Amino acid sequence: MAYKELFVLRHAKSSWDEPDKDDIDRALTTRGINDAYSMANRLTKQLKMVDLIFTSHANRATHTSTIFAGVIGYPFEKIRITSKIYEVSEIQLVTLVKGLPDEIVRVLIVGHNPTFTYYVNRYLPKSIDNIPTTGIVGMSFNTASWKNISRENLQSSFFEFPKKEQ
Protein backbone atom coordinates (compact mmCIF):
# COMPACT_ATOMS: atom_id res chain seq x y z
CA MET A 1 0.00 0.00 0.00
CA ALA A 2 1.30 3.46 -0.86
CA TYR A 3 1.88 5.94 1.92
CA LYS A 4 3.21 9.40 2.75
CA GLU A 5 5.08 10.29 5.93
CA LEU A 6 5.30 13.82 7.25
CA PHE A 7 7.43 14.92 10.19
CA VAL A 8 6.55 18.40 11.47
CA LEU A 9 9.39 19.79 13.59
CA ARG A 10 9.28 23.06 15.47
CA HIS A 11 12.68 24.77 15.55
CA ALA A 12 14.84 24.44 18.67
CA LYS A 13 14.87 26.97 21.53
CA SER A 14 16.08 30.37 20.37
CA SER A 15 17.35 33.45 22.13
CA TRP A 16 15.39 36.59 22.92
CA ASP A 17 18.49 38.21 24.47
CA GLU A 18 19.21 40.54 21.55
CA PRO A 19 16.18 42.84 21.22
CA ASP A 20 17.78 44.78 18.35
CA LYS A 21 18.09 41.64 16.24
CA ASP A 22 15.38 40.93 13.67
CA ASP A 23 13.15 37.94 14.51
CA ILE A 24 14.37 36.05 11.46
CA ASP A 25 17.99 36.30 12.67
CA ARG A 26 17.48 34.94 16.20
CA ALA A 27 20.03 32.26 17.07
CA LEU A 28 19.58 29.00 18.93
CA THR A 29 20.46 28.93 22.62
CA THR A 30 22.87 26.35 24.03
CA ARG A 31 19.85 24.45 25.34
CA GLY A 32 18.27 24.62 21.88
CA ILE A 33 21.37 23.19 20.23
CA ASN A 34 21.59 20.41 22.83
CA ASP A 35 17.88 19.61 22.48
CA ALA A 36 18.18 19.46 18.69
CA TYR A 37 21.03 16.95 18.88
CA SER A 38 19.20 14.94 21.54
CA MET A 39 15.94 14.77 19.58
CA ALA A 40 17.68 14.00 16.28
CA ASN A 41 19.53 11.12 17.94
CA ARG A 42 16.34 9.90 19.62
CA LEU A 43 14.49 9.87 16.28
CA THR A 44 17.26 8.68 13.94
CA LYS A 45 15.43 5.42 13.17
CA GLN A 46 12.22 7.21 12.13
CA LEU A 47 13.99 9.96 10.16
CA LYS A 48 16.80 7.96 8.52
CA MET A 49 15.05 7.56 5.17
CA VAL A 50 13.73 11.12 4.78
CA ASP A 51 13.52 12.14 1.11
CA LEU A 52 13.32 15.88 1.76
CA ILE A 53 14.10 18.34 4.52
CA PHE A 54 12.11 21.51 3.94
CA THR A 55 12.86 24.42 6.28
CA SER A 56 12.00 28.01 7.02
CA HIS A 57 14.74 30.46 6.13
CA ALA A 58 14.80 31.83 9.70
CA ASN A 59 18.21 31.27 11.31
CA ARG A 60 16.78 29.19 14.18
CA ALA A 61 14.96 26.85 11.76
CA THR A 62 17.88 26.42 9.35
CA HIS A 63 20.25 25.72 12.25
CA THR A 64 17.81 23.13 13.64
CA SER A 65 17.45 21.49 10.22
CA THR A 66 21.23 21.27 9.71
CA ILE A 67 21.66 19.60 13.11
CA PHE A 68 19.00 17.02 12.22
CA ALA A 69 20.47 16.52 8.74
CA GLY A 70 23.94 15.92 10.17
CA VAL A 71 22.70 13.36 12.69
CA ILE A 72 20.53 11.39 10.24
CA GLY A 73 23.01 11.58 7.36
CA TYR A 74 20.93 13.78 5.06
CA PRO A 75 23.09 15.83 2.64
CA PHE A 76 23.23 19.49 3.73
CA GLU A 77 23.13 20.71 0.13
CA LYS A 78 19.76 19.01 -0.39
CA ILE A 79 18.02 20.92 2.42
CA ARG A 80 15.36 23.08 0.78
CA ILE A 81 15.34 26.49 2.48
CA THR A 82 12.31 28.67 1.82
CA SER A 83 10.68 31.87 3.00
CA LYS A 84 7.29 30.21 2.40
CA ILE A 85 7.36 28.53 5.83
CA TYR A 86 8.21 31.69 7.78
CA GLU A 87 5.05 33.48 8.98
CA VAL A 88 2.96 31.06 6.93
CA SER A 89 -0.73 30.60 7.63
CA GLU A 90 -2.20 27.17 8.30
CA ILE A 91 -3.98 27.20 4.93
CA GLN A 92 -0.78 28.20 3.12
CA LEU A 93 1.04 25.32 4.83
CA VAL A 94 -1.72 22.90 3.79
CA THR A 95 -1.33 24.10 0.19
CA LEU A 96 2.46 23.83 0.34
CA VAL A 97 2.44 20.24 1.65
CA LYS A 98 -0.36 19.10 -0.68
CA GLY A 99 1.71 20.50 -3.56
CA LEU A 100 4.73 18.29 -2.87
CA PRO A 101 5.70 15.96 -5.73
CA ASP A 102 4.29 12.47 -5.19
CA GLU A 103 7.64 10.77 -5.83
CA ILE A 104 8.71 12.21 -2.46
CA VAL A 105 7.46 9.86 0.27
CA ARG A 106 9.01 11.04 3.56
CA VAL A 107 9.33 14.75 4.41
CA LEU A 108 10.74 16.59 7.42
CA ILE A 109 9.43 20.15 7.57
CA VAL A 110 11.04 22.59 10.03
CA GLY A 111 9.38 25.82 11.08
CA HIS A 112 7.33 27.73 13.59
CA ASN A 113 4.39 27.91 15.94
CA PRO A 114 1.56 28.59 16.25
CA THR A 115 1.01 27.48 12.66
CA PHE A 116 2.65 24.08 13.11
CA THR A 117 0.41 23.18 16.06
CA TYR A 118 -2.72 24.29 14.18
CA TYR A 119 -1.56 22.35 11.12
CA VAL A 120 -0.98 18.99 12.84
CA ASN A 121 -4.29 19.28 14.69
CA ARG A 122 -6.06 19.17 11.29
CA TYR A 123 -4.94 15.54 11.04
CA LEU A 124 -4.47 14.15 14.55
CA PRO A 125 -7.37 12.24 16.16
CA LYS A 126 -6.66 13.99 19.46
CA SER A 127 -5.57 17.64 19.45
CA ILE A 128 -2.38 18.77 21.12
CA ASP A 129 -2.12 22.13 22.89
CA ASN A 130 1.33 23.11 21.72
CA ILE A 131 4.36 21.76 19.92
CA PRO A 132 7.20 22.91 22.18
CA THR A 133 10.58 23.91 20.78
CA THR A 134 12.27 20.90 19.16
CA GLY A 135 8.97 19.05 19.39
CA ILE A 136 8.07 16.84 16.46
CA VAL A 137 4.85 15.27 15.22
CA GLY A 138 5.21 12.36 12.83
CA MET A 139 2.24 11.32 10.71
CA SER A 140 1.86 8.44 8.27
CA PHE A 141 -0.93 8.64 5.72
CA ASN A 142 -2.40 5.75 3.74
CA THR A 143 -2.33 7.47 0.34
CA ALA A 144 -0.10 7.68 -2.73
CA SER A 145 -0.56 11.43 -3.17
CA TRP A 146 0.20 14.42 -0.95
CA LYS A 147 -2.95 16.01 -2.37
CA ASN A 148 -5.02 13.36 -0.60
CA ILE A 149 -3.58 13.42 2.93
CA SER A 150 -6.39 13.76 5.44
CA ARG A 151 -7.48 12.85 8.95
CA GLU A 152 -9.45 9.97 7.40
CA ASN A 153 -6.34 8.32 5.92
CA LEU A 154 -4.00 9.01 8.84
CA GLN A 155 -2.60 5.57 9.61
CA SER A 156 -0.38 6.38 12.60
CA SER A 157 1.20 9.30 14.42
CA PHE A 158 3.60 10.16 17.21
CA PHE A 159 4.43 13.27 19.22
CA GLU A 160 7.87 13.65 20.79
CA PHE A 161 9.55 16.56 22.53
CA PRO A 162 12.68 17.04 24.65
CA LYS A 163 11.04 16.90 28.09
CA LYS A 164 8.79 13.92 27.31
CA GLU A 165 9.46 10.90 29.51
CA GLN A 166 11.27 8.13 27.67
C-alpha atoms as a PDB file:
ATOM      1  CA  MET A   1       0.000   0.000   0.000  1.00  0.00           C
ATOM      2  CA  ALA A   2       1.301   3.460  -0.860  1.00  0.00           C
ATOM      3  CA  TYR A   3       1.882   5.940   1.923  1.00  0.00           C
ATOM      4  CA  LYS A   4       3.213   9.404   2.751  1.00  0.00           C
ATOM      5  CA  GLU A   5       5.082  10.287   5.935  1.00  0.00           C
ATOM      6  CA  LEU A   6       5.296  13.821   7.253  1.00  0.00           C
ATOM      7  CA  PHE A   7       7.429  14.916  10.188  1.00  0.00           C
ATOM      8  CA  VAL A   8       6.552  18.398  11.468  1.00  0.00           C
ATOM      9  CA  LEU A   9       9.394  19.792  13.593  1.00  0.00           C
ATOM     10  CA  ARG A  10       9.284  23.063  15.473  1.00  0.00           C
ATOM     11  CA  HIS A  11      12.682  24.772  15.546  1.00  0.00           C
ATOM     12  CA  ALA A  12      14.836  24.439  18.669  1.00  0.00           C
ATOM     13  CA  LYS A  13      14.874  26.968  21.530  1.00  0.00           C
ATOM     14  CA  SER A  14      16.082  30.370  20.369  1.00  0.00           C
ATOM     15  CA  SER A  15      17.352  33.450  22.128  1.00  0.00           C
ATOM     16  CA  TRP A  16      15.390  36.590  22.923  1.00  0.00           C
ATOM     17  CA  ASP A  17      18.491  38.213  24.466  1.00  0.00           C
ATOM     18  CA  GLU A  18      19.214  40.539  21.554  1.00  0.00           C
ATOM     19  CA  PRO A  19      16.181  42.842  21.225  1.00  0.00           C
ATOM     20  CA  ASP A  20      17.781  44.776  18.349  1.00  0.00           C
ATOM     21  CA  LYS A  21      18.092  41.641  16.243  1.00  0.00           C
ATOM     22  CA  ASP A  22      15.376  40.925  13.671  1.00  0.00           C
ATOM     23  CA  ASP A  23      13.151  37.944  14.515  1.00  0.00           C
ATOM     24  CA  ILE A  24      14.368  36.054  11.459  1.00  0.00           C
ATOM     25  CA  ASP A  25      17.988  36.297  12.671  1.00  0.00           C
ATOM     26  CA  ARG A  26      17.478  34.941  16.196  1.00  0.00           C
ATOM     27  CA  ALA A  27      20.026  32.256  17.071  1.00  0.00           C
ATOM     28  CA  LEU A  28      19.584  29.000  18.935  1.00  0.00           C
ATOM     29  CA  THR A  29      20.458  28.928  22.618  1.00  0.00           C
ATOM     30  CA  THR A  30      22.873  26.349  24.028  1.00  0.00           C
ATOM     31  CA  ARG A  31      19.846  24.452  25.340  1.00  0.00           C
ATOM     32  CA  GLY A  32      18.270  24.620  21.880  1.00  0.00           C
ATOM     33  CA  ILE A  33      21.373  23.185  20.232  1.00  0.00           C
ATOM     34  CA  ASN A  34      21.594  20.407  22.833  1.00  0.00           C
ATOM     35  CA  ASP A  35      17.877  19.613  22.485  1.00  0.00           C
ATOM     36  CA  ALA A  36      18.177  19.458  18.690  1.00  0.00           C
ATOM     37  CA  TYR A  37      21.031  16.946  18.883  1.00  0.00           C
ATOM     38  CA  SER A  38      19.201  14.939  21.538  1.00  0.00           C
ATOM     39  CA  MET A  39      15.937  14.775  19.579  1.00  0.00           C
ATOM     40  CA  ALA A  40      17.684  13.998  16.276  1.00  0.00           C
ATOM     41  CA  ASN A  41      19.530  11.122  17.941  1.00  0.00           C
ATOM     42  CA  ARG A  42      16.335   9.900  19.623  1.00  0.00           C
ATOM     43  CA  LEU A  43      14.486   9.866  16.275  1.00  0.00           C
ATOM     44  CA  THR A  44      17.262   8.675  13.944  1.00  0.00           C
ATOM     45  CA  LYS A  45      15.430   5.422  13.167  1.00  0.00           C
ATOM     46  CA  GLN A  46      12.219   7.206  12.129  1.00  0.00           C
ATOM     47  CA  LEU A  47      13.987   9.956  10.157  1.00  0.00           C
ATOM     48  CA  LYS A  48      16.803   7.963   8.518  1.00  0.00           C
ATOM     49  CA  MET A  49      15.051   7.562   5.168  1.00  0.00           C
ATOM     50  CA  VAL A  50      13.728  11.121   4.776  1.00  0.00           C
ATOM     51  CA  ASP A  51      13.521  12.142   1.107  1.00  0.00           C
ATOM     52  CA  LEU A  52      13.324  15.877   1.755  1.00  0.00           C
ATOM     53  CA  ILE A  53      14.096  18.343   4.522  1.00  0.00           C
ATOM     54  CA  PHE A  54      12.111  21.514   3.936  1.00  0.00           C
ATOM     55  CA  THR A  55      12.858  24.422   6.282  1.00  0.00           C
ATOM     56  CA  SER A  56      11.998  28.015   7.019  1.00  0.00           C
ATOM     57  CA  HIS A  57      14.738  30.462   6.127  1.00  0.00           C
ATOM     58  CA  ALA A  58      14.799  31.834   9.699  1.00  0.00           C
ATOM     59  CA  ASN A  59      18.205  31.275  11.313  1.00  0.00           C
ATOM     60  CA  ARG A  60      16.779  29.186  14.178  1.00  0.00           C
ATOM     61  CA  ALA A  61      14.964  26.854  11.757  1.00  0.00           C
ATOM     62  CA  THR A  62      17.876  26.420   9.345  1.00  0.00           C
ATOM     63  CA  HIS A  63      20.248  25.721  12.246  1.00  0.00           C
ATOM     64  CA  THR A  64      17.811  23.133  13.644  1.00  0.00           C
ATOM     65  CA  SER A  65      17.448  21.495  10.222  1.00  0.00           C
ATOM     66  CA  THR A  66      21.226  21.270   9.708  1.00  0.00           C
ATOM     67  CA  ILE A  67      21.655  19.604  13.108  1.00  0.00           C
ATOM     68  CA  PHE A  68      18.995  17.022  12.216  1.00  0.00           C
ATOM     69  CA  ALA A  69      20.472  16.525   8.738  1.00  0.00           C
ATOM     70  CA  GLY A  70      23.937  15.921  10.173  1.00  0.00           C
ATOM     71  CA  VAL A  71      22.703  13.365  12.691  1.00  0.00           C
ATOM     72  CA  ILE A  72      20.525  11.389  10.244  1.00  0.00           C
ATOM     73  CA  GLY A  73      23.014  11.580   7.360  1.00  0.00           C
ATOM     74  CA  TYR A  74      20.927  13.777   5.065  1.00  0.00           C
ATOM     75  CA  PRO A  75      23.094  15.832   2.640  1.00  0.00           C
ATOM     76  CA  PHE A  76      23.234  19.491   3.727  1.00  0.00           C
ATOM     77  CA  GLU A  77      23.133  20.713   0.131  1.00  0.00           C
ATOM     78  CA  LYS A  78      19.762  19.013  -0.391  1.00  0.00           C
ATOM     79  CA  ILE A  79      18.018  20.918   2.422  1.00  0.00           C
ATOM     80  CA  ARG A  80      15.363  23.082   0.781  1.00  0.00           C
ATOM     81  CA  ILE A  81      15.336  26.491   2.480  1.00  0.00           C
ATOM     82  CA  THR A  82      12.308  28.674   1.816  1.00  0.00           C
ATOM     83  CA  SER A  83      10.679  31.869   3.001  1.00  0.00           C
ATOM     84  CA  LYS A  84       7.291  30.205   2.396  1.00  0.00           C
ATOM     85  CA  ILE A  85       7.359  28.527   5.828  1.00  0.00           C
ATOM     86  CA  TYR A  86       8.211  31.692   7.783  1.00  0.00           C
ATOM     87  CA  GLU A  87       5.050  33.482   8.981  1.00  0.00           C
ATOM     88  CA  VAL A  88       2.965  31.059   6.929  1.00  0.00           C
ATOM     89  CA  SER A  89      -0.732  30.598   7.631  1.00  0.00           C
ATOM     90  CA  GLU A  90      -2.198  27.175   8.300  1.00  0.00           C
ATOM     91  CA  ILE A  91      -3.984  27.201   4.925  1.00  0.00           C
ATOM     92  CA  GLN A  92      -0.776  28.195   3.125  1.00  0.00           C
ATOM     93  CA  LEU A  93       1.039  25.316   4.835  1.00  0.00           C
ATOM     94  CA  VAL A  94      -1.719  22.901   3.791  1.00  0.00           C
ATOM     95  CA  THR A  95      -1.333  24.101   0.192  1.00  0.00           C
ATOM     96  CA  LEU A  96       2.457  23.830   0.339  1.00  0.00           C
ATOM     97  CA  VAL A  97       2.439  20.236   1.649  1.00  0.00           C
ATOM     98  CA  LYS A  98      -0.362  19.095  -0.681  1.00  0.00           C
ATOM     99  CA  GLY A  99       1.712  20.504  -3.559  1.00  0.00           C
ATOM    100  CA  LEU A 100       4.731  18.294  -2.871  1.00  0.00           C
ATOM    101  CA  PRO A 101       5.697  15.961  -5.725  1.00  0.00           C
ATOM    102  CA  ASP A 102       4.292  12.471  -5.185  1.00  0.00           C
ATOM    103  CA  GLU A 103       7.639  10.768  -5.831  1.00  0.00           C
ATOM    104  CA  ILE A 104       8.711  12.209  -2.459  1.00  0.00           C
ATOM    105  CA  VAL A 105       7.463   9.856   0.270  1.00  0.00           C
ATOM    106  CA  ARG A 106       9.007  11.043   3.563  1.00  0.00           C
ATOM    107  CA  VAL A 107       9.331  14.755   4.405  1.00  0.00           C
ATOM    108  CA  LEU A 108      10.737  16.586   7.425  1.00  0.00           C
ATOM    109  CA  ILE A 109       9.431  20.151   7.566  1.00  0.00           C
ATOM    110  CA  VAL A 110      11.040  22.588  10.027  1.00  0.00           C
ATOM    111  CA  GLY A 111       9.377  25.822  11.083  1.00  0.00           C
ATOM    112  CA  HIS A 112       7.331  27.734  13.585  1.00  0.00           C
ATOM    113  CA  ASN A 113       4.391  27.915  15.940  1.00  0.00           C
ATOM    114  CA  PRO A 114       1.556  28.588  16.252  1.00  0.00           C
ATOM    115  CA  THR A 115       1.006  27.478  12.658  1.00  0.00           C
ATOM    116  CA  PHE A 116       2.645  24.081  13.113  1.00  0.00           C
ATOM    117  CA  THR A 117       0.405  23.177  16.063  1.00  0.00           C
ATOM    118  CA  TYR A 118      -2.718  24.289  14.177  1.00  0.00           C
ATOM    119  CA  TYR A 119      -1.559  22.347  11.121  1.00  0.00           C
ATOM    120  CA  VAL A 120      -0.982  18.987  12.835  1.00  0.00           C
ATOM    121  CA  ASN A 121      -4.289  19.282  14.686  1.00  0.00           C
ATOM    122  CA  ARG A 122      -6.056  19.169  11.287  1.00  0.00           C
ATOM    123  CA  TYR A 123      -4.942  15.540  11.040  1.00  0.00           C
ATOM    124  CA  LEU A 124      -4.472  14.154  14.554  1.00  0.00           C
ATOM    125  CA  PRO A 125      -7.370  12.244  16.155  1.00  0.00           C
ATOM    126  CA  LYS A 126      -6.658  13.986  19.463  1.00  0.00           C
ATOM    127  CA  SER A 127      -5.573  17.643  19.455  1.00  0.00           C
ATOM    128  CA  ILE A 128      -2.381  18.772  21.123  1.00  0.00           C
ATOM    129  CA  ASP A 129      -2.125  22.131  22.888  1.00  0.00           C
ATOM    130  CA  ASN A 130       1.330  23.113  21.717  1.00  0.00           C
ATOM    131  CA  ILE A 131       4.359  21.755  19.921  1.00  0.00           C
ATOM    132  CA  PRO A 132       7.201  22.908  22.184  1.00  0.00           C
ATOM    133  CA  THR A 133      10.576  23.907  20.784  1.00  0.00           C
ATOM    134  CA  THR A 134      12.270  20.903  19.155  1.00  0.00           C
ATOM    135  CA  GLY A 135       8.966  19.048  19.395  1.00  0.00           C
ATOM    136  CA  ILE A 136       8.065  16.842  16.460  1.00  0.00           C
ATOM    137  CA  VAL A 137       4.852  15.274  15.222  1.00  0.00           C
ATOM    138  CA  GLY A 138       5.213  12.363  12.825  1.00  0.00           C
ATOM    139  CA  MET A 139       2.244  11.319  10.709  1.00  0.00           C
ATOM    140  CA  SER A 140       1.864   8.441   8.273  1.00  0.00           C
ATOM    141  CA  PHE A 141      -0.930   8.637   5.722  1.00  0.00           C
ATOM    142  CA  ASN A 142      -2.402   5.755   3.743  1.00  0.00           C
ATOM    143  CA  THR A 143      -2.330   7.474   0.341  1.00  0.00           C
ATOM    144  CA  ALA A 144      -0.099   7.683  -2.728  1.00  0.00           C
ATOM    145  CA  SER A 145      -0.557  11.430  -3.170  1.00  0.00           C
ATOM    146  CA  TRP A 146       0.203  14.418  -0.953  1.00  0.00           C
ATOM    147  CA  LYS A 147      -2.948  16.013  -2.371  1.00  0.00           C
ATOM    148  CA  ASN A 148      -5.018  13.359  -0.595  1.00  0.00           C
ATOM    149  CA  ILE A 149      -3.584  13.424   2.928  1.00  0.00           C
ATOM    150  CA  SER A 150      -6.394  13.757   5.442  1.00  0.00           C
ATOM    151  CA  ARG A 151      -7.484  12.853   8.948  1.00  0.00           C
ATOM    152  CA  GLU A 152      -9.446   9.972   7.397  1.00  0.00           C
ATOM    153  CA  ASN A 153      -6.340   8.319   5.919  1.00  0.00           C
ATOM    154  CA  LEU A 154      -3.999   9.006   8.843  1.00  0.00           C
ATOM    155  CA  GLN A 155      -2.598   5.571   9.606  1.00  0.00           C
ATOM    156  CA  SER A 156      -0.379   6.382  12.595  1.00  0.00           C
ATOM    157  CA  SER A 157       1.204   9.296  14.420  1.00  0.00           C
ATOM    158  CA  PHE A 158       3.601  10.157  17.207  1.00  0.00           C
ATOM    159  CA  PHE A 159       4.429  13.274  19.222  1.00  0.00           C
ATOM    160  CA  GLU A 160       7.868  13.650  20.788  1.00  0.00           C
ATOM    161  CA  PHE A 161       9.554  16.564  22.525  1.00  0.00           C
ATOM    162  CA  PRO A 162      12.683  17.045  24.653  1.00  0.00           C
ATOM    163  CA  LYS A 163      11.042  16.896  28.090  1.00  0.00           C
ATOM    164  CA  LYS A 164       8.789  13.920  27.310  1.00  0.00           C
ATOM    165  CA  GLU A 165       9.462  10.904  29.512  1.00  0.00           C
ATOM    166  CA  GLN A 166      11.271   8.130  27.668  1.00  0.00           C
END
